[in-house]
Amino acid sequence: MDQNRFLVTMQFNEEDLLPIFLRHYSQYFKPENIYILDHGSSKNLIPSGFNRIYIPREKKFSEMDRNALVKNICNGLLGYYDYGMYADCDELINLENVDNSIFQKSSALYVAGFECTK
């Protein structure tokens, strides 16, 4: 973890998935560099040491507003970090053999996800 990098996710009452997500990504990001947008959860599920940004849930959901929020937060954080990434709370990306310099050479990278079931 030699580079200064961040991770952002968004969640709502993810009691089952959030702990798995945080355990997985804590291998690659320092907890203090993980930002969780909490979209109105009924209780605080964010463990100490991680960053919780609480977003109220009173307004009607808008995917456009959600995307703008994530984009603006990530763009703001890029002023303080070398690079960052966003992943949904149910997305686990294996970064074990990824050359971190790829993140600094590209303006944006996208990954494809696959639903795995038995």
N, C-alpha and C. Protein backbone atom coordinates (compact mmCIF):
# COMPACT_ATOMS: atom_id res chain seq x y z
N MET A 1 0.83 -1.20 0.00
CA MET A 1 0.00 0.00 0.00
C MET A 1 0.87 1.25 0.00
N ASP A 2 1.78 1.33 -0.92
CA ASP A 2 2.72 2.44 -0.92
C ASP A 2 2.16 3.69 -1.60
N GLN A 3 1.15 3.58 -2.44
CA GLN A 3 0.60 4.75 -3.09
C GLN A 3 -0.60 5.27 -2.30
N ASN A 4 -0.84 6.55 -2.41
CA ASN A 4 -1.92 7.23 -1.74
C ASN A 4 -3.18 7.07 -2.59
N ARG A 5 -4.07 6.15 -2.21
CA ARG A 5 -5.24 5.84 -3.03
C ARG A 5 -6.48 5.72 -2.16
N PHE A 6 -7.65 5.87 -2.80
CA PHE A 6 -8.91 5.80 -2.07
C PHE A 6 -9.89 4.87 -2.77
N LEU A 7 -10.90 4.46 -2.01
CA LEU A 7 -12.01 3.65 -2.51
C LEU A 7 -13.31 4.27 -2.01
N VAL A 8 -14.30 4.35 -2.89
CA VAL A 8 -15.62 4.87 -2.54
C VAL A 8 -16.65 3.80 -2.87
N THR A 9 -17.63 3.66 -1.99
CA THR A 9 -18.79 2.80 -2.26
C THR A 9 -20.03 3.49 -1.72
N MET A 10 -21.18 2.96 -2.10
CA MET A 10 -22.44 3.46 -1.58
C MET A 10 -23.23 2.27 -1.07
N GLN A 11 -23.92 2.46 0.06
CA GLN A 11 -24.68 1.36 0.64
C GLN A 11 -25.91 1.88 1.35
N PHE A 12 -26.87 0.96 1.53
CA PHE A 12 -28.08 1.23 2.30
C PHE A 12 -28.44 -0.06 3.04
N ASN A 13 -28.31 -0.04 4.35
CA ASN A 13 -28.66 -1.18 5.21
C ASN A 13 -28.05 -2.50 4.74
N GLU A 14 -26.81 -2.48 4.31
CA GLU A 14 -26.12 -3.68 3.81
C GLU A 14 -25.44 -4.43 4.95
N GLU A 15 -26.23 -4.95 5.87
CA GLU A 15 -25.68 -5.66 7.03
C GLU A 15 -24.89 -6.89 6.65
N ASP A 16 -25.27 -7.56 5.57
CA ASP A 16 -24.57 -8.78 5.16
C ASP A 16 -23.39 -8.49 4.24
N LEU A 17 -23.61 -7.63 3.23
CA LEU A 17 -22.57 -7.41 2.22
C LEU A 17 -21.47 -6.45 2.64
N LEU A 18 -21.81 -5.42 3.41
CA LEU A 18 -20.81 -4.41 3.77
C LEU A 18 -19.61 -5.00 4.51
N PRO A 19 -19.78 -5.86 5.51
CA PRO A 19 -18.61 -6.43 6.18
C PRO A 19 -17.71 -7.24 5.23
N ILE A 20 -18.32 -7.97 4.30
CA ILE A 20 -17.54 -8.72 3.30
C ILE A 20 -16.77 -7.76 2.41
N PHE A 21 -17.46 -6.72 1.94
CA PHE A 21 -16.85 -5.70 1.09
C PHE A 21 -15.64 -5.05 1.78
N LEU A 22 -15.84 -4.62 3.02
CA LEU A 22 -14.77 -3.93 3.75
C LEU A 22 -13.59 -4.87 4.06
N ARG A 23 -13.87 -6.10 4.40
CA ARG A 23 -12.80 -7.08 4.65
C ARG A 23 -11.98 -7.31 3.38
N HIS A 24 -12.67 -7.43 2.25
CA HIS A 24 -11.98 -7.66 0.98
C HIS A 24 -11.10 -6.47 0.60
N TYR A 25 -11.68 -5.28 0.57
CA TYR A 25 -10.93 -4.11 0.09
C TYR A 25 -9.92 -3.57 1.09
N SER A 26 -10.03 -3.96 2.35
CA SER A 26 -9.01 -3.56 3.33
C SER A 26 -7.67 -4.22 3.05
N GLN A 27 -7.65 -5.22 2.19
CA GLN A 27 -6.39 -5.82 1.74
C GLN A 27 -5.62 -4.85 0.84
N TYR A 28 -6.34 -3.95 0.17
CA TYR A 28 -5.74 -3.09 -0.84
C TYR A 28 -5.76 -1.60 -0.48
N PHE A 29 -6.65 -1.21 0.42
CA PHE A 29 -6.79 0.19 0.81
C PHE A 29 -6.78 0.30 2.32
N LYS A 30 -6.13 1.34 2.83
CA LYS A 30 -6.17 1.61 4.26
C LYS A 30 -7.62 1.97 4.64
N PRO A 31 -8.09 1.52 5.79
CA PRO A 31 -9.47 1.84 6.19
C PRO A 31 -9.77 3.34 6.15
N GLU A 32 -8.82 4.16 6.54
CA GLU A 32 -9.06 5.62 6.54
C GLU A 32 -9.16 6.18 5.12
N ASN A 33 -8.83 5.38 4.11
CA ASN A 33 -8.94 5.81 2.72
C ASN A 33 -10.14 5.17 2.02
N ILE A 34 -11.02 4.54 2.80
CA ILE A 34 -12.25 3.96 2.27
C ILE A 34 -13.42 4.83 2.72
N TYR A 35 -14.18 5.32 1.74
CA TYR A 35 -15.29 6.22 1.97
C TYR A 35 -16.59 5.51 1.62
N ILE A 36 -17.51 5.44 2.58
CA ILE A 36 -18.78 4.77 2.38
C ILE A 36 -19.88 5.82 2.38
N LEU A 37 -20.56 5.95 1.25
CA LEU A 37 -21.72 6.82 1.16
C LEU A 37 -22.90 6.03 1.71
N ASP A 38 -23.40 6.44 2.84
CA ASP A 38 -24.50 5.75 3.51
C ASP A 38 -25.80 6.44 3.14
N HIS A 39 -26.56 5.80 2.26
CA HIS A 39 -27.78 6.41 1.73
C HIS A 39 -28.98 6.15 2.64
N GLY A 40 -28.90 6.71 3.84
CA GLY A 40 -30.04 6.71 4.74
C GLY A 40 -30.29 5.43 5.51
N SER A 41 -29.24 4.69 5.83
CA SER A 41 -29.42 3.46 6.61
C SER A 41 -30.09 3.76 7.94
N SER A 42 -30.87 2.78 8.43
CA SER A 42 -31.59 2.97 9.69
C SER A 42 -30.66 2.99 10.90
N LYS A 43 -29.45 2.41 10.76
CA LYS A 43 -28.44 2.50 11.82
C LYS A 43 -27.06 2.57 11.17
N ASN A 44 -26.09 3.05 11.91
CA ASN A 44 -24.73 3.20 11.40
C ASN A 44 -24.06 1.82 11.36
N LEU A 45 -23.80 1.34 10.16
CA LEU A 45 -23.16 0.04 9.97
C LEU A 45 -21.66 0.17 9.68
N ILE A 46 -21.15 1.40 9.68
CA ILE A 46 -19.77 1.65 9.29
C ILE A 46 -18.86 1.48 10.51
N PRO A 47 -17.92 0.53 10.45
CA PRO A 47 -16.99 0.35 11.58
C PRO A 47 -16.09 1.57 11.79
N SER A 48 -15.64 1.71 12.99
CA SER A 48 -14.69 2.78 13.33
C SER A 48 -13.44 2.66 12.45
N GLY A 49 -12.92 3.78 12.01
CA GLY A 49 -11.72 3.80 11.19
C GLY A 49 -12.01 4.02 9.72
N PHE A 50 -13.25 3.75 9.29
CA PHE A 50 -13.68 3.99 7.92
C PHE A 50 -14.43 5.32 7.88
N ASN A 51 -14.56 5.90 6.70
CA ASN A 51 -15.22 7.19 6.54
C ASN A 51 -16.67 7.01 6.12
N ARG A 52 -17.59 7.50 6.93
CA ARG A 52 -19.01 7.45 6.61
C ARG A 52 -19.47 8.83 6.18
N ILE A 53 -20.08 8.89 5.01
CA ILE A 53 -20.70 10.12 4.53
C ILE A 53 -22.19 9.82 4.43
N TYR A 54 -22.96 10.38 5.35
CA TYR A 54 -24.39 10.09 5.43
C TYR A 54 -25.16 10.95 4.42
N ILE A 55 -26.00 10.29 3.63
CA ILE A 55 -26.84 10.97 2.65
C ILE A 55 -28.30 10.69 3.04
N PRO A 56 -29.13 11.72 3.24
CA PRO A 56 -30.52 11.46 3.62
C PRO A 56 -31.29 10.77 2.50
N ARG A 57 -32.37 10.11 2.87
CA ARG A 57 -33.16 9.32 1.93
C ARG A 57 -34.54 9.93 1.69
N GLU A 58 -34.79 11.15 2.09
CA GLU A 58 -36.13 11.74 1.99
C GLU A 58 -36.58 11.99 0.55
N LYS A 59 -35.66 12.33 -0.34
CA LYS A 59 -36.03 12.64 -1.73
C LYS A 59 -36.19 11.37 -2.55
N LYS A 60 -36.98 11.49 -3.61
CA LYS A 60 -37.17 10.38 -4.53
C LYS A 60 -35.82 10.02 -5.16
N PHE A 61 -35.53 8.72 -5.28
CA PHE A 61 -34.25 8.26 -5.81
C PHE A 61 -34.08 8.68 -7.26
N SER A 62 -32.87 9.15 -7.58
CA SER A 62 -32.51 9.52 -8.94
C SER A 62 -31.13 8.94 -9.23
N GLU A 63 -31.07 8.06 -10.21
CA GLU A 63 -29.76 7.50 -10.61
C GLU A 63 -28.84 8.61 -11.11
N MET A 64 -29.40 9.61 -11.77
CA MET A 64 -28.59 10.72 -12.27
C MET A 64 -27.96 11.50 -11.09
N ASP A 65 -28.74 11.75 -10.05
CA ASP A 65 -28.21 12.45 -8.88
C ASP A 65 -27.16 11.59 -8.16
N ARG A 66 -27.42 10.28 -8.06
CA ARG A 66 -26.46 9.39 -7.42
C ARG A 66 -25.13 9.37 -8.18
N ASN A 67 -25.20 9.27 -9.50
CA ASN A 67 -23.98 9.28 -10.30
C ASN A 67 -23.23 10.60 -10.18
N ALA A 68 -23.96 11.71 -10.15
CA ALA A 68 -23.32 13.02 -10.00
C ALA A 68 -22.63 13.13 -8.65
N LEU A 69 -23.28 12.64 -7.59
CA LEU A 69 -22.68 12.67 -6.25
C LEU A 69 -21.39 11.87 -6.22
N VAL A 70 -21.44 10.63 -6.71
CA VAL A 70 -20.25 9.78 -6.71
C VAL A 70 -19.13 10.43 -7.52
N LYS A 71 -19.46 10.93 -8.69
CA LYS A 71 -18.46 11.58 -9.55
C LYS A 71 -17.84 12.79 -8.86
N ASN A 72 -18.66 13.63 -8.24
CA ASN A 72 -18.15 14.83 -7.59
C ASN A 72 -17.29 14.50 -6.37
N ILE A 73 -17.70 13.51 -5.59
CA ILE A 73 -16.89 13.12 -4.43
C ILE A 73 -15.55 12.55 -4.91
N CYS A 74 -15.59 11.68 -5.90
CA CYS A 74 -14.34 11.09 -6.41
C CYS A 74 -13.44 12.17 -7.01
N ASN A 75 -14.01 13.08 -7.79
CA ASN A 75 -13.20 14.16 -8.36
C ASN A 75 -12.57 15.02 -7.28
N GLY A 76 -13.31 15.30 -6.21
CA GLY A 76 -12.76 16.07 -5.10
C GLY A 76 -11.63 15.34 -4.40
N LEU A 77 -11.81 14.05 -4.17
CA LEU A 77 -10.77 13.25 -3.50
C LEU A 77 -9.50 13.14 -4.35
N LEU A 78 -9.66 13.19 -5.67
CA LEU A 78 -8.48 13.08 -6.55
C LEU A 78 -7.52 14.26 -6.37
N GLY A 79 -7.99 15.34 -5.76
CA GLY A 79 -7.10 16.45 -5.44
C GLY A 79 -6.15 16.13 -4.30
N TYR A 80 -6.44 15.06 -3.55
CA TYR A 80 -5.66 14.71 -2.38
C TYR A 80 -5.00 13.34 -2.46
N TYR A 81 -5.40 12.54 -3.44
CA TYR A 81 -4.89 11.18 -3.60
C TYR A 81 -4.27 11.01 -4.98
N ASP A 82 -3.40 10.01 -5.10
CA ASP A 82 -2.81 9.68 -6.41
C ASP A 82 -3.85 9.12 -7.36
N TYR A 83 -4.72 8.25 -6.86
CA TYR A 83 -5.81 7.70 -7.66
C TYR A 83 -6.85 7.10 -6.74
N GLY A 84 -7.99 6.75 -7.31
CA GLY A 84 -9.05 6.14 -6.53
C GLY A 84 -9.95 5.31 -7.40
N MET A 85 -10.87 4.61 -6.74
CA MET A 85 -11.83 3.82 -7.48
C MET A 85 -13.16 3.79 -6.75
N TYR A 86 -14.20 3.48 -7.52
CA TYR A 86 -15.53 3.30 -6.99
C TYR A 86 -15.95 1.87 -7.29
N ALA A 87 -16.55 1.21 -6.32
CA ALA A 87 -17.12 -0.12 -6.52
C ALA A 87 -18.41 -0.20 -5.71
N ASP A 88 -19.44 -0.78 -6.31
CA ASP A 88 -20.67 -1.01 -5.56
C ASP A 88 -20.39 -1.96 -4.41
N CYS A 89 -21.23 -1.89 -3.40
CA CYS A 89 -21.04 -2.68 -2.18
C CYS A 89 -21.11 -4.18 -2.43
N ASP A 90 -21.68 -4.58 -3.54
CA ASP A 90 -21.76 -6.01 -3.87
C ASP A 90 -20.75 -6.42 -4.93
N GLU A 91 -19.75 -5.57 -5.18
CA GLU A 91 -18.73 -5.86 -6.18
C GLU A 91 -17.37 -6.07 -5.51
N LEU A 92 -16.80 -7.22 -5.71
CA LEU A 92 -15.47 -7.52 -5.17
C LEU A 92 -14.53 -7.72 -6.35
N ILE A 93 -13.60 -6.81 -6.51
CA ILE A 93 -12.64 -6.85 -7.61
C ILE A 93 -11.31 -7.33 -7.06
N ASN A 94 -10.75 -8.35 -7.68
CA ASN A 94 -9.46 -8.87 -7.24
C ASN A 94 -8.36 -7.95 -7.77
N LEU A 95 -7.69 -7.26 -6.87
CA LEU A 95 -6.62 -6.33 -7.25
C LEU A 95 -5.24 -6.88 -6.93
N GLU A 96 -5.18 -8.16 -6.60
CA GLU A 96 -3.94 -8.77 -6.13
C GLU A 96 -2.77 -8.63 -7.11
N ASN A 97 -2.99 -8.90 -8.38
CA ASN A 97 -1.90 -8.86 -9.36
C ASN A 97 -2.01 -7.68 -10.31
N VAL A 98 -2.71 -6.64 -9.90
CA VAL A 98 -2.88 -5.45 -10.74
C VAL A 98 -1.70 -4.52 -10.55
N ASP A 99 -1.13 -4.08 -11.66
CA ASP A 99 -0.06 -3.09 -11.64
C ASP A 99 -0.70 -1.73 -11.36
N ASN A 100 -0.45 -1.17 -10.18
CA ASN A 100 -1.09 0.08 -9.77
C ASN A 100 -0.81 1.25 -10.71
N SER A 101 0.27 1.20 -11.46
CA SER A 101 0.57 2.31 -12.37
C SER A 101 -0.48 2.45 -13.46
N ILE A 102 -1.24 1.38 -13.73
CA ILE A 102 -2.30 1.45 -14.74
C ILE A 102 -3.35 2.47 -14.35
N PHE A 103 -3.59 2.65 -13.05
CA PHE A 103 -4.59 3.60 -12.59
C PHE A 103 -4.17 5.05 -12.86
N GLN A 104 -2.88 5.31 -12.85
CA GLN A 104 -2.40 6.67 -13.08
C GLN A 104 -2.22 6.97 -14.57
N LYS A 105 -2.20 5.96 -15.41
CA LYS A 105 -2.00 6.15 -16.85
C LYS A 105 -3.32 6.34 -17.59
N SER A 106 -4.43 6.08 -16.94
CA SER A 106 -5.74 6.13 -17.59
C SER A 106 -6.64 7.12 -16.87
N SER A 107 -7.50 7.80 -17.62
CA SER A 107 -8.44 8.72 -16.99
C SER A 107 -9.57 7.96 -16.31
N ALA A 108 -9.97 6.83 -16.87
CA ALA A 108 -11.01 6.00 -16.25
C ALA A 108 -10.86 4.57 -16.75
N LEU A 109 -11.08 3.64 -15.85
CA LEU A 109 -11.08 2.21 -16.19
C LEU A 109 -12.41 1.62 -15.76
N TYR A 110 -12.91 0.69 -16.51
CA TYR A 110 -14.16 0.03 -16.18
C TYR A 110 -13.94 -1.47 -16.19
N VAL A 111 -14.62 -2.15 -15.29
CA VAL A 111 -14.51 -3.62 -15.23
C VAL A 111 -15.90 -4.20 -15.48
N ALA A 112 -15.90 -5.41 -15.99
CA ALA A 112 -17.16 -6.13 -16.19
C ALA A 112 -17.39 -7.05 -15.02
N GLY A 113 -18.61 -7.10 -14.55
CA GLY A 113 -18.95 -7.98 -13.43
C GLY A 113 -19.81 -9.14 -13.91
N PHE A 114 -19.70 -10.22 -13.19
CA PHE A 114 -20.47 -11.42 -13.51
C PHE A 114 -21.17 -11.93 -12.27
N GLU A 115 -22.42 -12.25 -12.39
CA GLU A 115 -23.18 -12.81 -11.29
C GLU A 115 -22.82 -14.30 -11.17
N CYS A 116 -22.38 -14.72 -10.01
CA CYS A 116 -21.98 -16.12 -9.80
C CYS A 116 -22.95 -16.76 -8.80
N THR A 117 -23.56 -17.85 -9.21
CA THR A 117 -24.46 -18.57 -8.34
C THR A 117 -24.21 -20.05 -8.48
N LYS A 118 -24.69 -20.82 -7.51
CA LYS A 118 -24.56 -22.28 -7.57
C LYS A 118 -25.69 -22.86 -8.37
